[in-house]
């Protein structure tokens, strides 16, 4: 069943309007990535929630709770949130400060996501009682490496932030 947020349909539309695959190709063109159709579907409940987040974002109070729930691991201080260099903040234009602040906030979210993934990753890897544990660990590892690659996205934050 489709869910709506602000009159935007989320999830599969089960309404009366639909196109055949041939009609959709004629009207919209070929898929850019044909292999996308062969990937396993995720749980509809998860898809709806992620789509809602992509459309509207996570409310500030909820994101702050999640950030507090997943602090940086004690044995990996590299993901500790950096502090703004106050000397540079005083002399930089407001636009630059706002951009650096947005990047810093994004890095904090990535750090919390990696902490949550790391916690799950560690539990599965140490338990090994789950029959598919190798596949699960591999998927979680891939997701964490992709997020880790996003962490250091801007040179400007390395200059304006301090540990």
Foldseek 3Di string as FASTA:
>chain_A
DWDDDPNRTFDDDPDPDDDDPVVCCVVVNDDPDVCVVVDDDDDRVVRRVVVCCVVPNDDPVVLVVLLVVQAADPVDCVLHQWAFPVVVVVPDDPVLVVVLVVLSVLLSSLRSVLSVLVVVLVVLVVPVPDPCSVVVNVVSVVVNVVSVVCNCVDPVNVVGTHD
